[in-house]
Amino acid sequence: FNNQLSRNFTIDIPNDSDGGEFDGPCEFRG
C-alpha cells in the first residue's frame, strides 16, 4: 500500500437532503 499517493476527498454525509440516514454517523473528526 502506497499511503503517500493515496487520497480520500470525500466527506461522510450523515443524513440525506430528506433528513433520512445516508452514510450514517461520522467516525472521524470532520
Full PDB file with SEQRES, HELIX, SHEET, SSBOND, CRYST1, ORIGX, SCALE, CONECT and MASTER records, all heavy atoms in Angstrom:
SEQRES   1 A   30  PHE ASN ASN GLN LEU SER ARG ASN PHE THR ILE ASP ILE          
SEQRES   2 A   30  PRO ASN ASP SER ASP GLY GLY GLU PHE ASP GLY PRO CYS          
SEQRES   3 A   30  GLU PHE ARG GLY                                              
CRYST1    1.000    1.000    1.000  90.00  90.00  90.00 P 1           1          
ORIGX1      1.000000  0.000000  0.000000        0.00000                         
ORIGX2      0.000000  1.000000  0.000000        0.00000                         
ORIGX3      0.000000  0.000000  1.000000        0.00000                         
SCALE1      1.000000  0.000000  0.000000        0.00000                         
SCALE2      0.000000  1.000000  0.000000        0.00000                         
SCALE3      0.000000  0.000000  1.000000        0.00000                         
ATOM      1  N   PHE A   1       0.836  -1.209   0.000  1.00  0.00           N  
ATOM      2  CA  PHE A   1       0.000   0.000   0.000  1.00  0.00           C  
ATOM      3  C   PHE A   1       0.864   1.250   0.000  1.00  0.00           C  
ATOM      4  O   PHE A   1       1.750   1.420   0.834  1.00  0.00           O  
ATOM      5  CB  PHE A   1      -0.903  -0.004   1.234  1.00  0.00           C  
ATOM      6  CG  PHE A   1      -1.902   1.124   1.254  1.00  0.00           C  
ATOM      7  CD1 PHE A   1      -3.006   1.104   0.418  1.00  0.00           C  
ATOM      8  CD2 PHE A   1      -1.736   2.202   2.113  1.00  0.00           C  
ATOM      9  CE1 PHE A   1      -3.932   2.124   0.437  1.00  0.00           C  
ATOM     10  CE2 PHE A   1      -2.659   3.235   2.141  1.00  0.00           C  
ATOM     11  CZ  PHE A   1      -3.763   3.196   1.294  1.00  0.00           C  
ATOM     12  N   ASN A   2       0.574   2.158  -0.970  1.00  0.00           N  
ATOM     13  CA  ASN A   2       1.299   3.415  -1.049  1.00  0.00           C  
ATOM     14  C   ASN A   2       0.451   4.500  -0.386  1.00  0.00           C  
ATOM     15  O   ASN A   2      -0.457   5.064  -1.004  1.00  0.00           O  
ATOM     16  CB  ASN A   2       1.599   3.782  -2.509  1.00  0.00           C  
ATOM     17  CG  ASN A   2       2.524   4.983  -2.621  1.00  0.00           C  
ATOM     18  OD1 ASN A   2       2.227   6.055  -2.117  1.00  0.00           O  
ATOM     19  ND2 ASN A   2       3.661   4.798  -3.285  1.00  0.00           N  
ATOM     20  N   ASN A   3       0.758   4.786   0.859  1.00  0.00           N  
ATOM     21  CA  ASN A   3      -0.013   5.766   1.612  1.00  0.00           C  
ATOM     22  C   ASN A   3       0.255   7.189   1.128  1.00  0.00           C  
ATOM     23  O   ASN A   3      -0.624   8.058   1.177  1.00  0.00           O  
ATOM     24  CB  ASN A   3       0.310   5.652   3.094  1.00  0.00           C  
ATOM     25  CG  ASN A   3      -0.678   6.399   3.957  1.00  0.00           C  
ATOM     26  OD1 ASN A   3      -1.862   6.061   3.993  1.00  0.00           O  
ATOM     27  ND2 ASN A   3      -0.209   7.426   4.645  1.00  0.00           N  
ATOM     28  N   GLN A   4       1.467   7.442   0.638  1.00  0.00           N  
ATOM     29  CA  GLN A   4       1.849   8.785   0.214  1.00  0.00           C  
ATOM     30  C   GLN A   4       1.001   9.272  -0.952  1.00  0.00           C  
ATOM     31  O   GLN A   4       0.596  10.436  -1.000  1.00  0.00           O  
ATOM     32  CB  GLN A   4       3.330   8.819  -0.166  1.00  0.00           C  
ATOM     33  CG  GLN A   4       3.827  10.202  -0.577  1.00  0.00           C  
ATOM     34  CD  GLN A   4       5.314  10.199  -0.917  1.00  0.00           C  
ATOM     35  OE1 GLN A   4       5.972   9.165  -0.857  1.00  0.00           O  
ATOM     36  NE2 GLN A   4       5.838  11.361  -1.277  1.00  0.00           N  
ATOM     37  N   LEU A   5       0.722   8.393  -1.911  1.00  0.00           N  
ATOM     38  CA  LEU A   5      -0.062   8.788  -3.077  1.00  0.00           C  
ATOM     39  C   LEU A   5      -1.567   8.643  -2.861  1.00  0.00           C  
ATOM     40  O   LEU A   5      -2.362   9.234  -3.595  1.00  0.00           O  
ATOM     41  CB  LEU A   5       0.342   7.952  -4.297  1.00  0.00           C  
ATOM     42  CG  LEU A   5       1.742   8.191  -4.861  1.00  0.00           C  
ATOM     43  CD1 LEU A   5       2.002   7.255  -6.033  1.00  0.00           C  
ATOM     44  CD2 LEU A   5       1.921   9.644  -5.292  1.00  0.00           C  
ATOM     45  N   SER A   6      -1.976   7.851  -1.880  1.00  0.00           N  
ATOM     46  CA  SER A   6      -3.396   7.583  -1.673  1.00  0.00           C  
ATOM     47  C   SER A   6      -4.124   8.823  -1.178  1.00  0.00           C  
ATOM     48  O   SER A   6      -3.563   9.637  -0.442  1.00  0.00           O  
ATOM     49  CB  SER A   6      -3.569   6.432  -0.677  1.00  0.00           C  
ATOM     50  OG  SER A   6      -3.095   5.220  -1.227  1.00  0.00           O  
ATOM     51  N   ARG A   7      -5.359   8.957  -1.583  1.00  0.00           N  
ATOM     52  CA  ARG A   7      -6.155  10.121  -1.242  1.00  0.00           C  
ATOM     53  C   ARG A   7      -7.599   9.729  -0.937  1.00  0.00           C  
ATOM     54  O   ARG A   7      -8.138   8.792  -1.512  1.00  0.00           O  
ATOM     55  CB  ARG A   7      -6.188  11.132  -2.406  1.00  0.00           C  
ATOM     56  CG  ARG A   7      -4.845  11.730  -2.777  1.00  0.00           C  
ATOM     57  CD  ARG A   7      -4.349  12.727  -1.740  1.00  0.00           C  
ATOM     58  NE  ARG A   7      -3.138  13.395  -2.176  1.00  0.00           N  
ATOM     59  CZ  ARG A   7      -1.903  12.916  -1.977  1.00  0.00           C  
ATOM     60  NH1 ARG A   7      -1.726  11.756  -1.345  1.00  0.00           N  
ATOM     61  NH2 ARG A   7      -0.852  13.596  -2.424  1.00  0.00           N  
ATOM     62  N   ASN A   8      -8.198  10.475  -0.027  1.00  0.00           N  
ATOM     63  CA  ASN A   8      -9.640  10.433   0.179  1.00  0.00           C  
ATOM     64  C   ASN A   8     -10.146  11.865   0.168  1.00  0.00           C  
ATOM     65  O   ASN A   8      -9.789  12.653   1.036  1.00  0.00           O  
ATOM     66  CB  ASN A   8     -10.004   9.772   1.506  1.00  0.00           C  
ATOM     67  CG  ASN A   8     -11.482   9.920   1.818  1.00  0.00           C  
ATOM     68  OD1 ASN A   8     -12.304  10.021   0.917  1.00  0.00           O  
ATOM     69  ND2 ASN A   8     -11.827   9.942   3.092  1.00  0.00           N  
ATOM     70  N   PHE A   9     -10.976  12.186  -0.801  1.00  0.00           N  
ATOM     71  CA  PHE A   9     -11.515  13.526  -0.903  1.00  0.00           C  
ATOM     72  C   PHE A   9     -13.018  13.563  -0.631  1.00  0.00           C  
ATOM     73  O   PHE A   9     -13.675  14.537  -0.959  1.00  0.00           O  
ATOM     74  CB  PHE A   9     -11.205  14.111  -2.286  1.00  0.00           C  
ATOM     75  CG  PHE A   9      -9.747  14.382  -2.512  1.00  0.00           C  
ATOM     76  CD1 PHE A   9      -8.907  13.391  -2.997  1.00  0.00           C  
ATOM     77  CD2 PHE A   9      -9.212  15.624  -2.235  1.00  0.00           C  
ATOM     78  CE1 PHE A   9      -7.557  13.628  -3.209  1.00  0.00           C  
ATOM     79  CE2 PHE A   9      -7.858  15.877  -2.439  1.00  0.00           C  
ATOM     80  CZ  PHE A   9      -7.027  14.872  -2.920  1.00  0.00           C  
ATOM     81  N   THR A  10     -13.550  12.526  -0.066  1.00  0.00           N  
ATOM     82  CA  THR A  10     -14.970  12.520   0.258  1.00  0.00           C  
ATOM     83  C   THR A  10     -15.195  13.014   1.681  1.00  0.00           C  
ATOM     84  O   THR A  10     -14.319  12.920   2.541  1.00  0.00           O  
ATOM     85  CB  THR A  10     -15.579  11.111   0.140  1.00  0.00           C  
ATOM     86  OG1 THR A  10     -15.013  10.275   1.150  1.00  0.00           O  
ATOM     87  CG2 THR A  10     -15.324  10.513  -1.229  1.00  0.00           C  
ATOM     88  N   ILE A  11     -16.378  13.533   1.910  1.00  0.00           N  
ATOM     89  CA  ILE A  11     -16.839  13.867   3.247  1.00  0.00           C  
ATOM     90  C   ILE A  11     -18.061  13.005   3.534  1.00  0.00           C  
ATOM     91  O   ILE A  11     -18.999  12.973   2.739  1.00  0.00           O  
ATOM     92  CB  ILE A  11     -17.230  15.359   3.366  1.00  0.00           C  
ATOM     93  CG1 ILE A  11     -16.009  16.247   3.130  1.00  0.00           C  
ATOM     94  CG2 ILE A  11     -17.839  15.662   4.725  1.00  0.00           C  
ATOM     95  CD1 ILE A  11     -16.324  17.729   3.142  1.00  0.00           C  
ATOM     96  N   ASP A  12     -18.043  12.293   4.651  1.00  0.00           N  
ATOM     97  CA  ASP A  12     -19.209  11.496   5.017  1.00  0.00           C  
ATOM     98  C   ASP A  12     -20.430  12.397   5.181  1.00  0.00           C  
ATOM     99  O   ASP A  12     -20.340  13.500   5.741  1.00  0.00           O  
ATOM    100  CB  ASP A  12     -18.965  10.747   6.325  1.00  0.00           C  
ATOM    101  CG  ASP A  12     -17.993   9.590   6.167  1.00  0.00           C  
ATOM    102  OD1 ASP A  12     -17.674   9.241   5.021  1.00  0.00           O  
ATOM    103  OD2 ASP A  12     -17.563   9.034   7.195  1.00  0.00           O  
ATOM    104  N   ILE A  13     -21.548  11.940   4.693  1.00  0.00           N  
ATOM    105  CA  ILE A  13     -22.802  12.677   4.790  1.00  0.00           C  
ATOM    106  C   ILE A  13     -23.738  11.896   5.704  1.00  0.00           C  
ATOM    107  O   ILE A  13     -24.322  10.886   5.280  1.00  0.00           O  
ATOM    108  CB  ILE A  13     -23.441  12.870   3.401  1.00  0.00           C  
ATOM    109  CG1 ILE A  13     -22.453  13.552   2.446  1.00  0.00           C  
ATOM    110  CG2 ILE A  13     -24.732  13.681   3.502  1.00  0.00           C  
ATOM    111  CD1 ILE A  13     -22.931  13.608   1.011  1.00  0.00           C  
ATOM    112  N   PRO A  14     -23.885  12.311   6.962  1.00  0.00           N  
ATOM    113  CA  PRO A  14     -24.699  11.527   7.909  1.00  0.00           C  
ATOM    114  C   PRO A  14     -26.145  11.367   7.459  1.00  0.00           C  
ATOM    115  O   PRO A  14     -26.718  10.290   7.570  1.00  0.00           O  
ATOM    116  CB  PRO A  14     -24.608  12.328   9.206  1.00  0.00           C  
ATOM    117  CG  PRO A  14     -23.348  13.121   9.073  1.00  0.00           C  
ATOM    118  CD  PRO A  14     -23.251  13.461   7.612  1.00  0.00           C  
ATOM    119  N   ASN A  15     -26.765  12.468   6.931  1.00  0.00           N  
ATOM    120  CA  ASN A  15     -28.169  12.436   6.531  1.00  0.00           C  
ATOM    121  C   ASN A  15     -28.335  12.964   5.124  1.00  0.00           C  
ATOM    122  O   ASN A  15     -27.588  13.836   4.683  1.00  0.00           O  
ATOM    123  CB  ASN A  15     -29.014  13.285   7.495  1.00  0.00           C  
ATOM    124  CG  ASN A  15     -28.880  12.820   8.926  1.00  0.00           C  
ATOM    125  OD1 ASN A  15     -29.092  11.649   9.224  1.00  0.00           O  
ATOM    126  ND2 ASN A  15     -28.511  13.725   9.806  1.00  0.00           N  
ATOM    127  N   ASP A  16     -29.345  12.444   4.415  1.00  0.00           N  
ATOM    128  CA  ASP A  16     -29.578  12.937   3.064  1.00  0.00           C  
ATOM    129  C   ASP A  16     -30.452  14.188   3.108  1.00  0.00           C  
ATOM    130  O   ASP A  16     -30.837  14.665   4.176  1.00  0.00           O  
ATOM    131  CB  ASP A  16     -30.216  11.854   2.178  1.00  0.00           C  
ATOM    132  CG  ASP A  16     -31.585  11.397   2.670  1.00  0.00           C  
ATOM    133  OD1 ASP A  16     -32.275  12.173   3.361  1.00  0.00           O  
ATOM    134  OD2 ASP A  16     -31.970  10.260   2.324  1.00  0.00           O  
ATOM    135  N   SER A  17     -30.769  14.737   1.938  1.00  0.00           N  
ATOM    136  CA  SER A  17     -31.494  16.008   1.861  1.00  0.00           C  
ATOM    137  C   SER A  17     -32.909  15.914   2.403  1.00  0.00           C  
ATOM    138  O   SER A  17     -33.527  16.926   2.735  1.00  0.00           O  
ATOM    139  CB  SER A  17     -31.527  16.497   0.410  1.00  0.00           C  
ATOM    140  OG  SER A  17     -32.140  15.528  -0.426  1.00  0.00           O  
ATOM    141  N   ASP A  18     -33.438  14.688   2.502  1.00  0.00           N  
ATOM    142  CA  ASP A  18     -34.786  14.500   3.042  1.00  0.00           C  
ATOM    143  C   ASP A  18     -34.772  14.207   4.533  1.00  0.00           C  
ATOM    144  O   ASP A  18     -35.810  13.906   5.112  1.00  0.00           O  
ATOM    145  CB  ASP A  18     -35.489  13.356   2.306  1.00  0.00           C  
ATOM    146  CG  ASP A  18     -35.703  13.672   0.827  1.00  0.00           C  
ATOM    147  OD1 ASP A  18     -35.937  14.852   0.523  1.00  0.00           O  
ATOM    148  OD2 ASP A  18     -35.631  12.741   0.006  1.00  0.00           O  
ATOM    149  N   GLY A  19     -33.584  14.268   5.149  1.00  0.00           N  
ATOM    150  CA  GLY A  19     -33.481  14.027   6.572  1.00  0.00           C  
ATOM    151  C   GLY A  19     -33.293  12.575   6.960  1.00  0.00           C  
ATOM    152  O   GLY A  19     -33.167  12.253   8.149  1.00  0.00           O  
ATOM    153  N   GLY A  20     -33.251  11.672   5.981  1.00  0.00           N  
ATOM    154  CA  GLY A  20     -33.029  10.266   6.278  1.00  0.00           C  
ATOM    155  C   GLY A  20     -31.545   9.957   6.400  1.00  0.00           C  
ATOM    156  O   GLY A  20     -30.687  10.761   6.054  1.00  0.00           O  
ATOM    157  N   GLU A  21     -31.238   8.764   6.905  1.00  0.00           N  
ATOM    158  CA  GLU A  21     -29.837   8.358   7.056  1.00  0.00           C  
ATOM    159  C   GLU A  21     -29.216   8.135   5.693  1.00  0.00           C  
ATOM    160  O   GLU A  21     -29.815   7.523   4.818  1.00  0.00           O  
ATOM    161  CB  GLU A  21     -29.736   7.086   7.887  1.00  0.00           C  
ATOM    162  CG  GLU A  21     -28.300   6.668   8.160  1.00  0.00           C  
ATOM    163  CD  GLU A  21     -28.206   5.364   8.936  1.00  0.00           C  
ATOM    164  OE1 GLU A  21     -28.399   4.311   8.308  1.00  0.00           O  
ATOM    165  OE2 GLU A  21     -27.948   5.406  10.141  1.00  0.00           O  
ATOM    166  N   PHE A  22     -27.996   8.647   5.498  1.00  0.00           N  
ATOM    167  CA  PHE A  22     -27.281   8.433   4.237  1.00  0.00           C  
ATOM    168  C   PHE A  22     -26.043   7.591   4.510  1.00  0.00           C  
ATOM    169  O   PHE A  22     -26.060   6.382   4.356  1.00  0.00           O  
ATOM    170  CB  PHE A  22     -26.932   9.775   3.588  1.00  0.00           C  
ATOM    171  CG  PHE A  22     -26.436   9.639   2.180  1.00  0.00           C  
ATOM    172  CD1 PHE A  22     -27.303   9.272   1.168  1.00  0.00           C  
ATOM    173  CD2 PHE A  22     -25.114   9.878   1.865  1.00  0.00           C  
ATOM    174  CE1 PHE A  22     -26.854   9.132  -0.138  1.00  0.00           C  
ATOM    175  CE2 PHE A  22     -24.655   9.748   0.566  1.00  0.00           C  
ATOM    176  CZ  PHE A  22     -25.523   9.377  -0.434  1.00  0.00           C  
ATOM    177  N   ASP A  23     -24.952   8.206   4.965  1.00  0.00           N  
ATOM    178  CA  ASP A  23     -23.750   7.451   5.312  1.00  0.00           C  
ATOM    179  C   ASP A  23     -23.770   6.951   6.748  1.00  0.00           C  
ATOM    180  O   ASP A  23     -23.002   6.061   7.105  1.00  0.00           O  
ATOM    181  CB  ASP A  23     -22.495   8.309   5.119  1.00  0.00           C  
ATOM    182  CG  ASP A  23     -22.158   8.527   3.657  1.00  0.00           C  
ATOM    183  OD1 ASP A  23     -22.465   7.644   2.844  1.00  0.00           O  
ATOM    184  OD2 ASP A  23     -21.600   9.577   3.327  1.00  0.00           O  
ATOM    185  N   GLY A  24     -24.602   7.557   7.577  1.00  0.00           N  
ATOM    186  CA  GLY A  24     -24.586   7.211   8.989  1.00  0.00           C  
ATOM    187  C   GLY A  24     -23.600   8.082   9.746  1.00  0.00           C  
ATOM    188  O   GLY A  24     -22.957   8.968   9.172  1.00  0.00           O  
ATOM    189  N   PRO A  25     -23.463   7.875  11.056  1.00  0.00           N  
ATOM    190  CA  PRO A  25     -22.604   8.725  11.892  1.00  0.00           C  
ATOM    191  C   PRO A  25     -21.159   8.751  11.411  1.00  0.00           C  
ATOM    192  O   PRO A  25     -20.634   7.770  10.896  1.00  0.00           O  
ATOM    193  CB  PRO A  25     -22.707   8.060  13.271  1.00  0.00           C  
ATOM    194  CG  PRO A  25     -23.983   7.288  13.233  1.00  0.00           C  
ATOM    195  CD  PRO A  25     -24.140   6.818  11.826  1.00  0.00           C  
ATOM    196  N   CYS A  26     -20.526   9.911  11.563  1.00  0.00           N  
ATOM    197  CA  CYS A  26     -19.120  10.065  11.173  1.00  0.00           C  
ATOM    198  C   CYS A  26     -18.220   9.411  12.219  1.00  0.00           C  
ATOM    199  O   CYS A  26     -18.411   9.598  13.418  1.00  0.00           O  
ATOM    200  CB  CYS A  26     -18.771  11.539  11.042  1.00  0.00           C  
ATOM    201  SG  CYS A  26     -19.746  12.406   9.793  1.00  0.00           S  
ATOM    202  N   GLU A  27     -17.216   8.678  11.761  1.00  0.00           N  
ATOM    203  CA  GLU A  27     -16.293   8.009  12.675  1.00  0.00           C  
ATOM    204  C   GLU A  27     -15.084   8.867  13.017  1.00  0.00           C  
ATOM    205  O   GLU A  27     -14.407   8.605  14.011  1.00  0.00           O  
ATOM    206  CB  GLU A  27     -15.791   6.689  12.063  1.00  0.00           C  
ATOM    207  CG  GLU A  27     -16.885   5.690  11.729  1.00  0.00           C  
ATOM    208  CD  GLU A  27     -17.425   5.852  10.328  1.00  0.00           C  
ATOM    209  OE1 GLU A  27     -17.091   6.846   9.655  1.00  0.00           O  
ATOM    210  OE2 GLU A  27     -18.196   4.974   9.909  1.00  0.00           O  
ATOM    211  N   PHE A  28     -14.787   9.856  12.175  1.00  0.00           N  
ATOM    212  CA  PHE A  28     -13.589  10.668  12.359  1.00  0.00           C  
ATOM    213  C   PHE A  28     -13.968  12.142  12.383  1.00  0.00           C  
ATOM    214  O   PHE A  28     -14.967  12.551  11.792  1.00  0.00           O  
ATOM    215  CB  PHE A  28     -12.575  10.403  11.240  1.00  0.00           C  
ATOM    216  CG  PHE A  28     -12.074   8.984  11.201  1.00  0.00           C  
ATOM    217  CD1 PHE A  28     -12.719   8.030  10.410  1.00  0.00           C  
ATOM    218  CD2 PHE A  28     -10.981   8.595  11.958  1.00  0.00           C  
ATOM    219  CE1 PHE A  28     -12.269   6.725  10.378  1.00  0.00           C  
ATOM    220  CE2 PHE A  28     -10.529   7.288  11.922  1.00  0.00           C  
ATOM    221  CZ  PHE A  28     -11.167   6.351  11.140  1.00  0.00           C  
ATOM    222  N   ARG A  29     -13.171  12.948  13.083  1.00  0.00           N  
ATOM    223  CA  ARG A  29     -13.423  14.385  13.157  1.00  0.00           C  
ATOM    224  C   ARG A  29     -13.451  14.982  11.747  1.00  0.00           C  
ATOM    225  O   ARG A  29     -12.608  14.671  10.919  1.00  0.00           O  
ATOM    226  CB  ARG A  29     -12.354  15.080  13.994  1.00  0.00           C  
ATOM    227  CG  ARG A  29     -12.446  14.795  15.487  1.00  0.00           C  
ATOM    228  CD  ARG A  29     -11.469  15.663  16.279  1.00  0.00           C  
ATOM    229  NE  ARG A  29     -11.571  15.429  17.705  1.00  0.00           N  
ATOM    230  CZ  ARG A  29     -10.836  14.539  18.377  1.00  0.00           C  
ATOM    231  NH1 ARG A  29      -9.938  13.824  17.729  1.00  0.00           N  
ATOM    232  NH2 ARG A  29     -11.001  14.385  19.671  1.00  0.00           N  
ATOM    233  N   GLY A  30     -14.401  15.862  11.541  1.00  0.00           N  
ATOM    234  CA  GLY A  30     -14.541  16.477  10.233  1.00  0.00           C  
ATOM    235  C   GLY A  30     -15.254  15.603   9.227  1.00  0.00           C  
ATOM    236  O   GLY A  30     -15.426  15.983   8.074  1.00  0.00           O  
TER     237      GLY A  30                                                      
MASTER        0    0    0    0    0    0    0    6  236    1    0    3          
END                                                                             
